[in-house]
């Protein structure tokens, strides 16, 4: 089982819809919401790293989500051993495409 803590930022005015969409995803549970900034702390439970990364991709694809990044990761038991990041788990977008909004740098 893998656990990951993910910081999600909802698009302005769409926080409640984002929370509902996130709750509908398998293994995803919202734990904290900052009403003023639209930040949502999400915990995701997955069977392995591949499932965990796929779950993060699904969170990023939620229409009401402006940004989502994994900030914590715990591996309890994963039978796969990796020498590096498998190609199918690497980001498909360049890092510049996911620029951090200025207000998150405060």
C-alpha atoms as a PDB file:
ATOM      1  CA  UNK A   1       0.000   0.000   0.000  1.00  0.00           C
ATOM      2  CA  UNK A   2       1.218   3.470  -0.884  1.00  0.00           C
ATOM      3  CA  UNK A   3       0.023   6.677   0.691  1.00  0.00           C
ATOM      4  CA  UNK A   4       0.575  10.095  -0.796  1.00  0.00           C
ATOM      5  CA  UNK A   5      -0.211  13.583   0.425  1.00  0.00           C
ATOM      6  CA  UNK A   6      -1.209  15.849  -2.444  1.00  0.00           C
ATOM      7  CA  UNK A   7      -1.685  19.609  -2.409  1.00  0.00           C
ATOM      8  CA  UNK A   8      -4.520  20.547  -4.739  1.00  0.00           C
ATOM      9  CA  UNK A   9      -5.427  24.106  -5.713  1.00  0.00           C
ATOM     10  CA  UNK A  10      -8.962  24.549  -7.018  1.00  0.00           C
ATOM     11  CA  UNK A  11      -9.765  27.083  -9.713  1.00  0.00           C
ATOM     12  CA  UNK A  12     -11.281  30.271  -8.279  1.00  0.00           C
ATOM     13  CA  UNK A  13     -14.964  29.817  -7.464  1.00  0.00           C
ATOM     14  CA  UNK A  14     -14.890  26.056  -8.100  1.00  0.00           C
ATOM     15  CA  UNK A  15     -13.631  24.790  -4.721  1.00  0.00           C
ATOM     16  CA  UNK A  16     -16.824  22.927  -3.748  1.00  0.00           C
ATOM     17  CA  UNK A  17     -17.116  21.251  -7.148  1.00  0.00           C
ATOM     18  CA  UNK A  18     -13.429  20.279  -6.981  1.00  0.00           C
ATOM     19  CA  UNK A  19     -13.960  18.675  -3.563  1.00  0.00           C
ATOM     20  CA  UNK A  20     -16.884  16.647  -4.919  1.00  0.00           C
ATOM     21  CA  UNK A  21     -14.946  15.546  -8.012  1.00  0.00           C
ATOM     22  CA  UNK A  22     -11.926  14.540  -5.932  1.00  0.00           C
ATOM     23  CA  UNK A  23     -14.081  12.543  -3.504  1.00  0.00           C
ATOM     24  CA  UNK A  24     -15.434  10.538  -6.460  1.00  0.00           C
ATOM     25  CA  UNK A  25     -11.933   9.276  -7.373  1.00  0.00           C
ATOM     26  CA  UNK A  26     -10.942   5.848  -5.989  1.00  0.00           C
ATOM     27  CA  UNK A  27      -8.664   5.975  -2.952  1.00  0.00           C
ATOM     28  CA  UNK A  28      -8.811   9.790  -2.683  1.00  0.00           C
ATOM     29  CA  UNK A  29      -9.936  11.578   0.462  1.00  0.00           C
ATOM     30  CA  UNK A  30      -9.892  15.307   1.223  1.00  0.00           C
ATOM     31  CA  UNK A  31      -8.631  16.202   4.705  1.00  0.00           C
ATOM     32  CA  UNK A  32      -8.196  19.958   4.876  1.00  0.00           C
ATOM     33  CA  UNK A  33      -9.582  22.890   2.898  1.00  0.00           C
ATOM     34  CA  UNK A  34      -8.361  26.480   3.021  1.00  0.00           C
ATOM     35  CA  UNK A  35     -11.459  28.463   2.106  1.00  0.00           C
ATOM     36  CA  UNK A  36      -9.536  31.652   1.265  1.00  0.00           C
ATOM     37  CA  UNK A  37      -6.979  30.154  -1.127  1.00  0.00           C
ATOM     38  CA  UNK A  38      -8.826  27.129  -2.519  1.00  0.00           C
ATOM     39  CA  UNK A  39      -6.045  24.834  -1.326  1.00  0.00           C
ATOM     40  CA  UNK A  40      -7.112  21.285  -0.544  1.00  0.00           C
ATOM     41  CA  UNK A  41      -4.972  18.671   1.201  1.00  0.00           C
ATOM     42  CA  UNK A  42      -5.758  15.244  -0.233  1.00  0.00           C
ATOM     43  CA  UNK A  43      -4.572  11.813   0.857  1.00  0.00           C
ATOM     44  CA  UNK A  44      -4.494   9.085  -1.750  1.00  0.00           C
ATOM     45  CA  UNK A  45      -4.171   5.370  -1.052  1.00  0.00           C
ATOM     46  CA  UNK A  46      -2.930   3.120  -3.870  1.00  0.00           C
ATOM     47  CA  UNK A  47      -1.718  -0.451  -4.250  1.00  0.00           C
ATOM     48  CA  UNK A  48       1.628   0.412  -5.854  1.00  0.00           C
ATOM     49  CA  UNK A  49       3.655   3.242  -7.351  1.00  0.00           C
ATOM     50  CA  UNK A  50       2.100   2.887 -10.795  1.00  0.00           C
ATOM     51  CA  UNK A  51      -1.409   3.156  -9.322  1.00  0.00           C
ATOM     52  CA  UNK A  52      -0.300   6.081  -7.188  1.00  0.00           C
ATOM     53  CA  UNK A  53       1.046   7.999 -10.184  1.00  0.00           C
ATOM     54  CA  UNK A  54      -2.069   7.213 -12.217  1.00  0.00           C
ATOM     55  CA  UNK A  55      -4.180   8.548  -9.355  1.00  0.00           C
ATOM     56  CA  UNK A  56      -2.149  11.770  -9.343  1.00  0.00           C
ATOM     57  CA  UNK A  57      -2.722  12.108 -13.095  1.00  0.00           C
ATOM     58  CA  UNK A  58      -6.471  11.671 -12.536  1.00  0.00           C
ATOM     59  CA  UNK A  59      -6.440  14.359  -9.840  1.00  0.00           C
ATOM     60  CA  UNK A  60      -4.581  16.742 -12.165  1.00  0.00           C
ATOM     61  CA  UNK A  61      -7.181  16.030 -14.871  1.00  0.00           C
ATOM     62  CA  UNK A  62     -10.157  17.089 -12.714  1.00  0.00           C
ATOM     63  CA  UNK A  63     -11.615  20.115 -14.582  1.00  0.00           C
ATOM     64  CA  UNK A  64     -11.914  22.245 -11.428  1.00  0.00           C
ATOM     65  CA  UNK A  65      -8.272  21.651 -10.422  1.00  0.00           C
ATOM     66  CA  UNK A  66      -5.745  24.345 -11.268  1.00  0.00           C
ATOM     67  CA  UNK A  67      -2.743  22.532  -9.791  1.00  0.00           C
ATOM     68  CA  UNK A  68      -1.979  19.288  -7.957  1.00  0.00           C
ATOM     69  CA  UNK A  69       1.412  18.128  -6.713  1.00  0.00           C
ATOM     70  CA  UNK A  70       2.491  15.264  -4.496  1.00  0.00           C
ATOM     71  CA  UNK A  71       4.201  16.599  -1.373  1.00  0.00           C
ATOM     72  CA  UNK A  72       4.432  13.393   0.666  1.00  0.00           C
ATOM     73  CA  UNK A  73       4.908   9.764  -0.267  1.00  0.00           C
ATOM     74  CA  UNK A  74       4.987   6.593   1.830  1.00  0.00           C
ATOM     75  CA  UNK A  75       5.572   3.082   0.548  1.00  0.00           C
ATOM     76  CA  UNK A  76       4.355   0.367   2.887  1.00  0.00           C
ATOM     77  CA  UNK A  77       4.750  -2.530   0.471  1.00  0.00           C
ATOM     78  CA  UNK A  78       5.557  -2.443  -3.223  1.00  0.00           C
ATOM     79  CA  UNK A  79       7.051  -5.525  -4.872  1.00  0.00           C
ATOM     80  CA  UNK A  80       8.485  -3.612  -7.824  1.00  0.00           C
ATOM     81  CA  UNK A  81      12.026  -2.293  -7.430  1.00  0.00           C
ATOM     82  CA  UNK A  82      13.018   0.589  -9.686  1.00  0.00           C
ATOM     83  CA  UNK A  83      16.494   1.701 -10.670  1.00  0.00           C
ATOM     84  CA  UNK A  84      15.027   4.932 -12.001  1.00  0.00           C
ATOM     85  CA  UNK A  85      11.685   6.367 -12.951  1.00  0.00           C
ATOM     86  CA  UNK A  86      10.015   4.038 -15.477  1.00  0.00           C
ATOM     87  CA  UNK A  87       9.247   5.879 -18.741  1.00  0.00           C
ATOM     88  CA  UNK A  88       5.486   5.442 -18.337  1.00  0.00           C
ATOM     89  CA  UNK A  89       5.632   7.277 -14.987  1.00  0.00           C
ATOM     90  CA  UNK A  90       7.589  10.276 -16.191  1.00  0.00           C
ATOM     91  CA  UNK A  91       5.771  13.562 -16.649  1.00  0.00           C
ATOM     92  CA  UNK A  92       4.590  14.164 -20.186  1.00  0.00           C
ATOM     93  CA  UNK A  93       4.568  17.950 -19.845  1.00  0.00           C
ATOM     94  CA  UNK A  94       7.675  20.082 -19.401  1.00  0.00           C
ATOM     95  CA  UNK A  95       8.069  21.535 -15.911  1.00  0.00           C
ATOM     96  CA  UNK A  96       7.485  25.057 -17.251  1.00  0.00           C
ATOM     97  CA  UNK A  97       3.888  24.072 -18.106  1.00  0.00           C
ATOM     98  CA  UNK A  98       3.147  23.640 -14.395  1.00  0.00           C
ATOM     99  CA  UNK A  99       4.417  26.959 -13.097  1.00  0.00           C
ATOM    100  CA  UNK A 100       3.586  27.636  -9.467  1.00  0.00           C
ATOM    101  CA  UNK A 101       1.066  30.465  -9.106  1.00  0.00           C
ATOM    102  CA  UNK A 102       2.617  33.532  -7.430  1.00  0.00           C
ATOM    103  CA  UNK A 103       0.293  33.414  -4.425  1.00  0.00           C
ATOM    104  CA  UNK A 104       1.623  29.958  -3.468  1.00  0.00           C
ATOM    105  CA  UNK A 105       5.089  31.429  -3.003  1.00  0.00           C
ATOM    106  CA  UNK A 106       3.921  33.527  -0.018  1.00  0.00           C
END
